[in-house]
N, C-alpha and C. Protein backbone atom coordinates (compact mmCIF):
# COMPACT_ATOMS: atom_id res chain seq x y z
N MET A 1 -53.01 123.05 110.90
CA MET A 1 -51.64 122.55 111.00
C MET A 1 -51.66 121.08 110.75
N LEU A 2 -52.75 120.35 111.08
CA LEU A 2 -52.81 118.89 110.82
C LEU A 2 -52.86 118.67 109.36
N ALA A 3 -53.51 119.41 108.60
CA ALA A 3 -53.57 119.29 107.12
C ALA A 3 -52.26 119.44 106.55
N VAL A 4 -51.46 120.32 106.97
CA VAL A 4 -50.04 120.61 106.50
C VAL A 4 -49.26 119.36 106.79
N LEU A 5 -49.39 118.85 108.09
CA LEU A 5 -48.58 117.68 108.34
C LEU A 5 -48.95 116.47 107.55
N ILE A 6 -50.14 116.27 107.32
CA ILE A 6 -50.71 115.21 106.40
C ILE A 6 -50.22 115.29 105.03
N ALA A 7 -50.24 116.57 104.42
CA ALA A 7 -49.80 116.78 103.13
C ALA A 7 -48.20 116.53 103.11
N ALA A 8 -47.56 116.97 104.14
CA ALA A 8 -46.09 116.70 104.10
C ALA A 8 -45.71 115.22 104.09
N ILE A 9 -46.41 114.40 104.80
CA ILE A 9 -46.24 112.96 104.95
C ILE A 9 -46.48 112.42 103.64
N LEU A 10 -47.64 112.80 102.95
CA LEU A 10 -48.00 112.18 101.69
C LEU A 10 -46.93 112.56 100.60
N PHE A 11 -46.58 113.89 100.70
CA PHE A 11 -45.57 114.30 99.65
C PHE A 11 -44.23 113.59 99.89
N PHE A 12 -43.80 113.45 101.04
CA PHE A 12 -42.51 112.82 101.44
C PHE A 12 -42.51 111.34 100.78
N PHE A 13 -43.60 110.61 100.92
CA PHE A 13 -43.62 109.25 100.22
C PHE A 13 -43.71 109.31 98.78
N LEU A 14 -44.34 110.32 98.22
CA LEU A 14 -44.27 110.46 96.86
C LEU A 14 -42.95 110.82 96.23
N VAL A 15 -42.15 111.64 96.99
CA VAL A 15 -40.79 111.84 96.48
C VAL A 15 -40.03 110.62 96.54
N VAL A 16 -40.13 109.91 97.69
CA VAL A 16 -39.34 108.61 97.91
C VAL A 16 -39.76 107.63 96.79
N GLY A 17 -41.04 107.55 96.27
CA GLY A 17 -41.46 106.74 95.20
C GLY A 17 -40.92 107.14 94.00
N ALA A 18 -40.86 108.57 93.67
CA ALA A 18 -40.33 109.00 92.50
C ALA A 18 -38.76 108.71 92.43
N LEU A 19 -38.14 108.82 93.62
CA LEU A 19 -36.70 108.47 93.55
C LEU A 19 -36.46 107.03 93.27
N VAL A 20 -37.26 106.17 93.89
CA VAL A 20 -37.16 104.78 93.65
C VAL A 20 -37.40 104.40 92.18
N PHE A 21 -38.31 105.18 91.62
CA PHE A 21 -38.62 104.93 90.16
C PHE A 21 -37.45 105.20 89.29
N LEU A 22 -36.77 106.34 89.64
CA LEU A 22 -35.63 106.73 88.90
C LEU A 22 -34.50 105.71 89.04
N VAL A 23 -34.30 105.20 90.25
CA VAL A 23 -33.20 104.26 90.47
C VAL A 23 -33.54 102.87 89.64
N CYS A 24 -34.79 102.49 89.74
CA CYS A 24 -35.23 101.31 88.91
C CYS A 24 -35.10 101.49 87.40
N VAL A 25 -35.36 102.68 86.94
CA VAL A 25 -35.30 102.97 85.54
C VAL A 25 -33.83 102.94 85.11
N LEU A 26 -32.93 103.36 85.99
CA LEU A 26 -31.51 103.44 85.59
C LEU A 26 -30.76 102.07 85.64
N ILE A 27 -31.35 101.13 86.38
CA ILE A 27 -30.74 99.83 86.46
C ILE A 27 -31.59 98.87 85.57
N ALA A 28 -31.12 98.48 84.47
CA ALA A 28 -31.86 97.68 83.44
C ALA A 28 -32.57 96.56 83.89
N PRO A 29 -32.12 95.66 84.77
CA PRO A 29 -32.94 94.58 85.16
C PRO A 29 -34.10 94.89 86.00
N LEU A 30 -34.11 96.03 86.62
CA LEU A 30 -35.15 96.42 87.47
C LEU A 30 -36.18 97.33 86.82
N ARG A 31 -35.95 97.68 85.52
CA ARG A 31 -36.76 98.59 84.82
C ARG A 31 -38.24 98.15 84.80
N ARG A 32 -38.52 96.94 84.50
CA ARG A 32 -39.81 96.52 84.46
C ARG A 32 -40.63 96.56 85.73
N TYR A 33 -39.91 96.74 86.80
CA TYR A 33 -40.52 96.77 88.24
C TYR A 33 -40.64 98.34 88.70
N ALA A 34 -40.19 99.23 87.81
CA ALA A 34 -40.11 100.62 88.22
C ALA A 34 -41.57 101.16 88.71
N LEU A 35 -42.50 100.95 87.99
CA LEU A 35 -43.90 101.51 88.27
C LEU A 35 -44.42 100.86 89.58
N SER A 36 -44.26 99.57 89.68
CA SER A 36 -44.72 98.96 90.85
C SER A 36 -43.98 99.30 92.20
N ALA A 37 -42.62 99.40 91.96
CA ALA A 37 -41.78 99.84 93.20
C ALA A 37 -42.10 101.31 93.59
N ALA A 38 -42.49 102.14 92.60
CA ALA A 38 -42.92 103.51 92.96
C ALA A 38 -44.11 103.54 93.65
N LEU A 39 -44.98 102.64 93.22
CA LEU A 39 -46.40 102.51 93.92
C LEU A 39 -46.23 102.01 95.28
N TRP A 40 -45.33 100.95 95.45
CA TRP A 40 -45.04 100.40 96.76
C TRP A 40 -44.59 101.56 97.79
N CYS A 41 -43.72 102.44 97.30
CA CYS A 41 -43.31 103.44 98.24
C CYS A 41 -44.39 104.54 98.46
N ALA A 42 -45.18 104.76 97.43
CA ALA A 42 -46.20 105.82 97.50
C ALA A 42 -47.25 105.33 98.48
N MET A 43 -47.49 104.04 98.49
CA MET A 43 -48.54 103.54 99.40
C MET A 43 -48.27 103.72 100.87
N TRP A 44 -47.07 104.02 101.27
CA TRP A 44 -46.75 104.17 102.58
C TRP A 44 -47.30 105.52 103.15
N GLY A 45 -47.47 106.48 102.25
CA GLY A 45 -48.04 107.80 102.64
C GLY A 45 -49.50 107.70 103.15
N PRO A 46 -50.41 107.24 102.38
CA PRO A 46 -51.68 107.13 102.95
C PRO A 46 -51.84 106.21 104.18
N SER A 47 -51.14 105.05 104.18
CA SER A 47 -51.18 104.13 105.31
C SER A 47 -50.56 104.85 106.51
N SER A 48 -49.51 105.61 106.40
CA SER A 48 -48.89 106.32 107.49
C SER A 48 -49.96 107.27 108.13
N VAL A 49 -50.46 107.97 107.28
CA VAL A 49 -51.55 108.97 107.70
C VAL A 49 -52.65 108.35 108.31
N ALA A 50 -53.12 107.20 107.81
CA ALA A 50 -54.20 106.42 108.47
C ALA A 50 -53.82 106.04 109.83
N PHE A 51 -52.68 105.45 110.06
CA PHE A 51 -52.24 105.03 111.36
C PHE A 51 -52.06 106.19 112.31
N PHE A 52 -51.50 107.31 111.76
CA PHE A 52 -51.25 108.52 112.53
C PHE A 52 -52.67 109.03 113.07
N LEU A 53 -53.58 109.08 112.23
CA LEU A 53 -54.97 109.53 112.66
C LEU A 53 -55.57 108.57 113.56
N LEU A 54 -55.35 107.29 113.37
CA LEU A 54 -56.03 106.40 114.38
C LEU A 54 -55.44 106.54 115.76
N ALA A 55 -54.07 106.76 115.80
CA ALA A 55 -53.38 107.03 117.06
C ALA A 55 -53.88 108.32 117.83
N GLY A 56 -54.08 109.34 117.02
CA GLY A 56 -54.55 110.62 117.52
C GLY A 56 -55.99 110.47 117.97
N THR A 57 -56.82 109.77 117.25
CA THR A 57 -58.14 109.50 117.71
C THR A 57 -58.20 108.76 118.97
N ALA A 58 -57.25 107.76 119.07
CA ALA A 58 -57.24 106.98 120.36
C ALA A 58 -56.86 107.87 121.57
N ALA A 59 -55.92 108.84 121.31
CA ALA A 59 -55.58 109.69 122.35
C ALA A 59 -56.71 110.55 122.78
N ILE A 60 -57.49 111.14 121.78
CA ILE A 60 -58.71 111.95 122.16
C ILE A 60 -59.71 111.09 122.82
N VAL A 61 -60.00 109.88 122.38
CA VAL A 61 -60.99 109.10 123.02
C VAL A 61 -60.60 108.79 124.42
N GLU A 62 -59.31 108.53 124.68
CA GLU A 62 -58.90 108.24 126.01
C GLU A 62 -59.13 109.35 126.97
N MET A 63 -59.01 110.64 126.46
CA MET A 63 -59.23 111.79 127.29
C MET A 63 -60.62 111.94 127.68
N PHE A 64 -61.55 111.50 126.76
CA PHE A 64 -62.98 111.59 127.06
C PHE A 64 -63.49 110.43 127.93
N ILE A 65 -62.79 109.33 127.96
CA ILE A 65 -63.29 108.20 128.79
C ILE A 65 -62.59 108.05 130.17
N THR A 66 -61.69 108.96 130.44
CA THR A 66 -61.08 108.90 131.82
C THR A 66 -62.09 109.50 132.74
N PRO A 67 -61.95 109.13 134.02
CA PRO A 67 -62.99 109.68 135.03
C PRO A 67 -62.78 111.22 135.08
N ASN A 68 -63.87 111.86 135.25
CA ASN A 68 -63.97 113.35 135.44
C ASN A 68 -63.33 114.07 134.32
N GLY A 69 -63.22 113.59 133.12
CA GLY A 69 -62.70 114.18 131.98
C GLY A 69 -61.33 114.77 132.27
N ASP A 70 -60.48 114.00 132.83
CA ASP A 70 -59.12 114.34 133.22
C ASP A 70 -58.27 114.82 132.10
N VAL A 71 -58.19 116.14 131.87
CA VAL A 71 -57.52 116.68 130.71
C VAL A 71 -55.95 116.60 131.03
N GLY A 72 -55.57 116.33 132.18
CA GLY A 72 -54.15 116.44 132.57
C GLY A 72 -53.35 115.25 131.90
N THR A 73 -54.04 114.23 131.49
CA THR A 73 -53.34 113.13 130.77
C THR A 73 -53.31 113.34 129.29
N TRP A 74 -53.59 114.52 128.81
CA TRP A 74 -53.62 114.82 127.33
C TRP A 74 -52.15 114.73 126.82
N HIS A 75 -51.19 115.15 127.59
CA HIS A 75 -49.76 115.23 127.10
C HIS A 75 -49.07 114.01 127.40
N ALA A 76 -49.75 112.98 128.19
CA ALA A 76 -49.05 111.77 128.57
C ALA A 76 -50.15 110.59 128.49
N PRO A 77 -50.68 110.49 127.34
CA PRO A 77 -51.82 109.37 127.28
C PRO A 77 -51.39 107.97 127.68
N ARG A 78 -52.17 107.39 128.53
CA ARG A 78 -51.79 106.01 129.01
C ARG A 78 -52.10 104.97 127.86
N LEU A 79 -53.12 105.22 127.11
CA LEU A 79 -53.46 104.23 126.14
C LEU A 79 -52.31 104.01 125.17
N LEU A 80 -51.75 105.15 124.63
CA LEU A 80 -50.60 105.04 123.67
C LEU A 80 -49.38 104.49 124.26
N ALA A 81 -49.21 104.75 125.56
CA ALA A 81 -48.05 104.10 126.27
C ALA A 81 -48.18 102.59 126.35
N VAL A 82 -49.45 102.13 126.57
CA VAL A 82 -49.73 100.68 126.68
C VAL A 82 -49.46 100.11 125.27
N LEU A 83 -50.02 100.73 124.18
CA LEU A 83 -49.82 100.19 122.85
C LEU A 83 -48.33 100.27 122.47
N GLY A 84 -47.65 101.54 122.58
CA GLY A 84 -46.28 101.67 122.48
C GLY A 84 -45.74 101.03 121.05
N TRP A 85 -44.66 100.28 121.25
CA TRP A 85 -43.98 99.63 120.11
C TRP A 85 -44.84 98.51 119.52
N GLY A 86 -45.76 98.02 120.15
CA GLY A 86 -46.65 97.05 119.53
C GLY A 86 -47.52 97.71 118.40
N TYR A 87 -47.97 98.93 118.72
CA TYR A 87 -48.78 99.60 117.67
C TYR A 87 -47.99 100.01 116.53
N LEU A 88 -46.74 100.52 116.75
CA LEU A 88 -45.83 100.81 115.74
C LEU A 88 -45.53 99.69 114.81
N THR A 89 -45.17 98.44 115.47
CA THR A 89 -44.89 97.31 114.78
C THR A 89 -46.05 96.88 113.89
N ILE A 90 -47.20 96.87 114.39
CA ILE A 90 -48.45 96.49 113.70
C ILE A 90 -48.59 97.36 112.51
N ALA A 91 -48.51 98.77 112.69
CA ALA A 91 -48.60 99.71 111.60
C ALA A 91 -47.60 99.44 110.55
N VAL A 92 -46.26 99.17 110.91
CA VAL A 92 -45.33 99.00 109.93
C VAL A 92 -45.57 97.80 109.02
N PHE A 93 -45.85 96.58 109.76
CA PHE A 93 -46.19 95.30 109.03
C PHE A 93 -47.46 95.43 108.24
N GLY A 94 -48.47 96.15 108.84
CA GLY A 94 -49.71 96.40 108.14
C GLY A 94 -49.49 97.16 106.82
N THR A 95 -48.70 98.20 106.92
CA THR A 95 -48.48 99.05 105.82
C THR A 95 -47.66 98.24 104.73
N ALA A 96 -46.70 97.55 105.26
CA ALA A 96 -45.85 96.70 104.36
C ALA A 96 -46.72 95.65 103.54
N ALA A 97 -47.69 95.09 104.24
CA ALA A 97 -48.50 94.03 103.64
C ALA A 97 -49.51 94.72 102.67
N ILE A 98 -50.01 95.94 102.98
CA ILE A 98 -50.97 96.56 102.09
C ILE A 98 -50.16 97.03 100.84
N ALA A 99 -49.00 97.62 101.03
CA ALA A 99 -48.25 98.14 99.93
C ALA A 99 -47.79 97.00 99.02
N THR A 100 -47.31 95.88 99.61
CA THR A 100 -46.91 94.75 98.83
C THR A 100 -48.01 94.25 97.93
N PHE A 101 -49.21 94.09 98.69
CA PHE A 101 -50.35 93.48 97.87
C PHE A 101 -50.62 94.46 96.77
N ALA A 102 -50.74 95.77 96.94
CA ALA A 102 -51.11 96.75 95.94
C ALA A 102 -50.09 96.69 94.80
N ALA A 103 -48.73 96.57 95.09
CA ALA A 103 -47.64 96.52 94.09
C ALA A 103 -47.77 95.17 93.24
N TRP A 104 -48.06 94.09 93.94
CA TRP A 104 -48.25 92.80 93.27
C TRP A 104 -49.44 92.80 92.32
N LEU A 105 -50.50 93.42 92.80
CA LEU A 105 -51.78 93.43 91.92
C LEU A 105 -51.58 94.33 90.76
N HIS A 106 -50.74 95.47 91.10
CA HIS A 106 -50.37 96.38 90.00
C HIS A 106 -49.65 95.71 88.93
N GLN A 107 -48.68 94.88 89.33
CA GLN A 107 -47.73 94.18 88.45
C GLN A 107 -48.61 93.15 87.61
N VAL A 108 -49.48 92.53 88.24
CA VAL A 108 -50.43 91.61 87.54
C VAL A 108 -51.28 92.30 86.53
N LEU A 109 -51.87 93.33 86.85
CA LEU A 109 -52.73 93.98 85.95
C LEU A 109 -52.01 94.68 84.87
N LEU A 110 -50.72 95.21 85.05
CA LEU A 110 -50.02 95.79 83.97
C LEU A 110 -49.82 94.77 82.79
N HIS A 111 -49.57 93.51 83.21
CA HIS A 111 -49.29 92.46 82.22
C HIS A 111 -50.63 92.06 81.53
N ARG A 112 -51.72 92.51 81.96
CA ARG A 112 -53.05 92.36 81.27
C ARG A 112 -53.49 93.46 80.35
N LEU A 113 -52.77 94.40 80.22
CA LEU A 113 -53.16 95.53 79.37
C LEU A 113 -52.61 95.33 78.02
N THR A 114 -53.28 95.80 76.96
CA THR A 114 -52.72 95.81 75.68
C THR A 114 -51.53 96.85 75.61
N PHE A 115 -50.74 96.74 74.74
CA PHE A 115 -49.53 97.66 74.65
C PHE A 115 -49.94 99.18 74.54
N PRO A 116 -50.87 99.46 73.65
CA PRO A 116 -51.27 100.88 73.56
C PRO A 116 -51.83 101.44 74.74
N LEU A 117 -52.63 100.65 75.51
CA LEU A 117 -53.14 101.13 76.80
C LEU A 117 -51.92 101.20 77.75
N PHE A 118 -51.11 100.33 77.78
CA PHE A 118 -49.99 100.46 78.72
C PHE A 118 -49.06 101.60 78.44
N ARG A 119 -48.90 101.94 77.14
CA ARG A 119 -48.13 103.18 76.84
C ARG A 119 -48.83 104.36 77.38
N LEU A 120 -50.14 104.49 77.28
CA LEU A 120 -50.80 105.56 77.83
C LEU A 120 -50.67 105.66 79.34
N TYR A 121 -50.96 104.56 79.97
CA TYR A 121 -50.82 104.41 81.37
C TYR A 121 -49.46 104.92 81.84
N ALA A 122 -48.40 104.31 81.27
CA ALA A 122 -47.07 104.60 81.69
C ALA A 122 -46.70 106.08 81.56
N ALA A 123 -47.17 106.69 80.41
CA ALA A 123 -46.98 108.15 80.23
C ALA A 123 -47.64 109.03 81.21
N MET A 124 -48.84 108.56 81.58
CA MET A 124 -49.58 109.42 82.57
C MET A 124 -48.93 109.32 83.96
N VAL A 125 -48.58 108.10 84.39
CA VAL A 125 -47.94 107.96 85.69
C VAL A 125 -46.57 108.62 85.69
N CYS A 126 -45.81 108.46 84.62
CA CYS A 126 -44.47 109.09 84.70
C CYS A 126 -44.53 110.60 84.61
N ALA A 127 -45.71 111.14 83.97
CA ALA A 127 -45.77 112.52 84.00
C ALA A 127 -46.26 113.02 85.37
N GLY A 128 -46.93 112.20 86.20
CA GLY A 128 -47.17 112.54 87.55
C GLY A 128 -45.88 112.47 88.39
N ILE A 129 -44.98 111.58 88.01
CA ILE A 129 -43.70 111.55 88.72
C ILE A 129 -42.89 112.68 88.39
N GLY A 130 -43.01 113.19 87.16
CA GLY A 130 -42.29 114.47 86.75
C GLY A 130 -42.82 115.60 87.46
N SER A 131 -44.14 115.60 87.73
CA SER A 131 -44.80 116.73 88.52
C SER A 131 -44.29 116.83 89.92
N VAL A 132 -44.02 115.56 90.53
CA VAL A 132 -43.46 115.53 91.90
C VAL A 132 -42.10 116.20 91.97
N PHE A 133 -41.33 115.95 90.99
CA PHE A 133 -39.92 116.56 90.89
C PHE A 133 -40.08 118.08 90.62
N GLY A 134 -41.24 118.51 89.80
CA GLY A 134 -41.55 119.82 89.58
C GLY A 134 -41.95 120.65 90.82
N TRP A 135 -42.65 120.02 91.70
CA TRP A 135 -42.98 120.64 92.94
C TRP A 135 -41.70 120.78 93.77
N CYS A 136 -40.91 119.87 93.82
CA CYS A 136 -39.61 119.99 94.48
C CYS A 136 -38.80 121.09 93.92
N LEU A 137 -38.81 121.29 92.62
CA LEU A 137 -38.05 122.43 92.03
C LEU A 137 -38.65 123.79 92.38
N GLY A 138 -40.01 123.76 92.34
CA GLY A 138 -40.66 125.10 92.85
C GLY A 138 -40.33 125.50 94.27
N TRP A 139 -40.27 124.46 95.09
CA TRP A 139 -39.91 124.81 96.51
C TRP A 139 -38.55 125.23 96.66
N LEU A 140 -37.66 124.62 95.85
CA LEU A 140 -36.21 124.97 95.85
C LEU A 140 -36.06 126.35 95.45
N LEU A 141 -36.74 126.71 94.33
CA LEU A 141 -36.62 128.11 93.77
C LEU A 141 -37.18 129.15 94.81
N VAL A 142 -38.18 128.80 95.46
CA VAL A 142 -38.69 129.73 96.59
C VAL A 142 -37.78 129.76 97.66
N ALA A 143 -37.14 128.65 98.15
CA ALA A 143 -36.26 128.70 99.25
C ALA A 143 -35.00 129.51 98.95
N LYS A 144 -34.52 129.33 97.73
CA LYS A 144 -33.31 130.09 97.32
C LYS A 144 -33.58 131.57 96.97
N GLU A 145 -34.89 132.01 97.00
CA GLU A 145 -35.35 133.40 96.60
C GLU A 145 -34.80 133.83 95.38
N ILE A 146 -34.96 133.07 94.29
CA ILE A 146 -34.49 133.35 93.02
C ILE A 146 -35.63 134.24 92.36
N ASN A 147 -35.10 135.17 91.62
CA ASN A 147 -36.02 136.15 90.84
C ASN A 147 -36.85 135.40 89.91
N HIS A 148 -38.12 135.80 89.65
CA HIS A 148 -38.97 135.14 88.72
C HIS A 148 -39.12 133.65 89.00
N SER A 149 -39.28 133.31 90.34
CA SER A 149 -39.33 131.90 90.59
C SER A 149 -40.65 131.29 90.12
N LEU A 150 -41.73 132.12 90.15
CA LEU A 150 -42.98 131.51 89.69
C LEU A 150 -42.91 131.13 88.22
N SER A 151 -42.45 132.05 87.34
CA SER A 151 -42.32 131.68 85.93
C SER A 151 -41.34 130.56 85.71
N LEU A 152 -40.27 130.47 86.42
CA LEU A 152 -39.36 129.39 86.30
C LEU A 152 -39.92 128.15 86.74
N TRP A 153 -40.69 128.10 87.87
CA TRP A 153 -41.32 127.04 88.32
C TRP A 153 -42.34 126.48 87.44
N ILE A 154 -43.17 127.29 86.79
CA ILE A 154 -44.13 126.88 85.78
C ILE A 154 -43.39 126.26 84.60
N LEU A 155 -42.37 126.88 84.12
CA LEU A 155 -41.63 126.34 82.95
C LEU A 155 -40.94 124.97 83.45
N GLY A 156 -40.37 124.89 84.60
CA GLY A 156 -39.76 123.65 85.03
C GLY A 156 -40.80 122.55 85.21
N MET A 157 -41.91 122.91 85.69
CA MET A 157 -42.87 121.93 85.91
C MET A 157 -43.46 121.40 84.53
N LEU A 158 -43.60 122.25 83.67
CA LEU A 158 -44.11 121.97 82.37
C LEU A 158 -43.00 120.94 81.66
N LEU A 159 -41.72 121.37 81.67
CA LEU A 159 -40.79 120.60 81.11
C LEU A 159 -40.59 119.23 81.75
N LEU A 160 -40.63 119.13 83.07
CA LEU A 160 -40.45 117.86 83.78
C LEU A 160 -41.65 116.99 83.50
N THR A 161 -42.90 117.50 83.56
CA THR A 161 -44.03 116.70 83.29
C THR A 161 -44.04 116.07 81.85
N VAL A 162 -43.87 116.99 80.93
CA VAL A 162 -43.98 116.51 79.59
C VAL A 162 -42.77 115.63 79.27
N GLY A 163 -41.63 115.95 79.80
CA GLY A 163 -40.33 115.20 79.57
C GLY A 163 -40.49 113.71 80.12
N PHE A 164 -40.93 113.66 81.31
CA PHE A 164 -41.14 112.34 81.90
C PHE A 164 -42.19 111.50 81.14
N GLY A 165 -43.28 112.20 80.81
CA GLY A 165 -44.47 111.54 80.13
C GLY A 165 -43.92 111.11 78.78
N THR A 166 -43.24 111.89 78.03
CA THR A 166 -42.78 111.57 76.59
C THR A 166 -41.80 110.42 76.78
N ALA A 167 -40.82 110.51 77.71
CA ALA A 167 -39.76 109.51 77.81
C ALA A 167 -40.47 108.11 78.16
N ALA A 168 -41.51 108.05 78.97
CA ALA A 168 -42.09 106.88 79.29
C ALA A 168 -42.89 106.34 78.12
N TYR A 169 -43.46 107.24 77.36
CA TYR A 169 -44.16 106.77 76.17
C TYR A 169 -43.30 106.14 75.19
N ARG A 170 -42.22 106.67 74.95
CA ARG A 170 -41.22 106.20 74.00
C ARG A 170 -40.57 104.91 74.46
N ALA A 171 -40.21 104.85 75.75
CA ALA A 171 -39.45 103.71 76.27
C ALA A 171 -40.36 102.74 77.01
N SER A 172 -41.64 102.76 76.74
CA SER A 172 -42.59 101.93 77.54
C SER A 172 -42.28 100.44 77.31
N ARG A 173 -41.67 100.04 76.24
CA ARG A 173 -41.49 98.54 75.94
C ARG A 173 -40.45 98.06 77.03
N SER A 174 -39.48 98.98 77.54
CA SER A 174 -38.49 98.39 78.52
C SER A 174 -39.17 98.48 79.86
N LEU A 175 -40.22 99.22 80.02
CA LEU A 175 -40.92 99.26 81.37
C LEU A 175 -41.83 98.12 81.55
N ARG A 176 -42.18 97.36 80.37
CA ARG A 176 -43.28 96.45 80.42
C ARG A 176 -42.82 95.08 80.78
N GLY A 177 -41.66 94.55 80.35
CA GLY A 177 -41.23 93.20 80.69
C GLY A 177 -41.80 92.13 79.71
N LYS A 178 -41.93 90.96 80.00
CA LYS A 178 -42.31 89.87 79.17
C LYS A 178 -43.85 89.60 79.29
N PRO A 179 -44.49 89.05 78.26
CA PRO A 179 -45.85 88.77 78.40
C PRO A 179 -46.19 87.75 79.46
N ALA A 180 -47.41 87.82 79.97
CA ALA A 180 -47.82 86.79 80.99
C ALA A 180 -48.08 85.49 80.22
N THR A 181 -47.69 84.42 80.86
CA THR A 181 -47.73 83.06 80.23
C THR A 181 -48.98 82.31 80.83
N ASN A 182 -49.42 82.63 82.03
CA ASN A 182 -50.70 81.90 82.51
C ASN A 182 -51.88 82.73 82.24
N PHE A 183 -52.76 82.68 83.06
CA PHE A 183 -54.10 83.41 82.88
C PHE A 183 -53.99 84.78 82.40
N THR A 184 -54.43 85.10 81.26
CA THR A 184 -54.16 86.47 80.56
C THR A 184 -55.46 86.82 79.82
N TRP A 185 -55.74 88.10 79.75
CA TRP A 185 -56.88 88.57 78.94
C TRP A 185 -56.52 88.94 77.59
N ILE A 186 -55.21 89.04 77.33
CA ILE A 186 -54.70 89.47 75.99
C ILE A 186 -53.84 88.43 75.42
N SER A 187 -53.62 88.44 74.05
CA SER A 187 -52.73 87.54 73.45
C SER A 187 -51.33 88.12 73.42
N ALA A 188 -50.36 87.26 73.09
CA ALA A 188 -48.92 87.74 73.02
C ALA A 188 -48.80 88.80 72.01
N GLU A 189 -49.57 88.72 70.98
CA GLU A 189 -49.51 89.77 69.84
C GLU A 189 -50.03 91.18 70.35
N GLU A 190 -51.13 91.02 71.12
CA GLU A 190 -51.72 92.35 71.69
C GLU A 190 -50.65 92.92 72.71
N PHE A 191 -49.94 92.04 73.45
CA PHE A 191 -48.93 92.54 74.43
C PHE A 191 -47.81 93.28 73.81
N HIS A 192 -47.39 92.83 72.67
CA HIS A 192 -46.29 93.42 72.00
C HIS A 192 -46.68 94.46 70.90
N ASP A 193 -47.91 94.60 70.66
CA ASP A 193 -48.46 95.48 69.51
C ASP A 193 -47.91 96.89 69.65
N THR A 194 -47.54 97.44 68.44
CA THR A 194 -47.05 98.80 68.55
C THR A 194 -48.12 99.67 67.90
């Protein structure tokens, strides 16, 4: 059951990241930040799981360090009550800091890639975003009990993955932004190379 909960948390933040990506792509001034914004949202998944597992481990450890192995405190652990909002606040700010640093580093590194490499990277990432929507489509088909849902899901997954990847490959120039002006590994010509 824990594995399903962890998978649900991770997938929830992947869906949020995919939706943020779509919003950024649809708003022209935000287009160049679409990949990093999606990464920022997706980073909340692993961080949330890590803090969730840390809190669970603390509850189990508390049960083992109480006198006489008092299992009566299992449903009302004192350690988590002491941590309470402080733990949640630290977890949220820690996750925001980690996600912000990852998105900033991602944005910096994207401007250091040559254009052909960036095109391939954008196509692969966007194909992954398309597959997230493909999984949502598959679960929707199963939930609505539509006939031939498996074959429709496979077809939908294929179309969404290839469609998002192809669209990103073709429109990668608008996802890129302007070349870096300070420390860079590539020239402006390589940045704009087709």
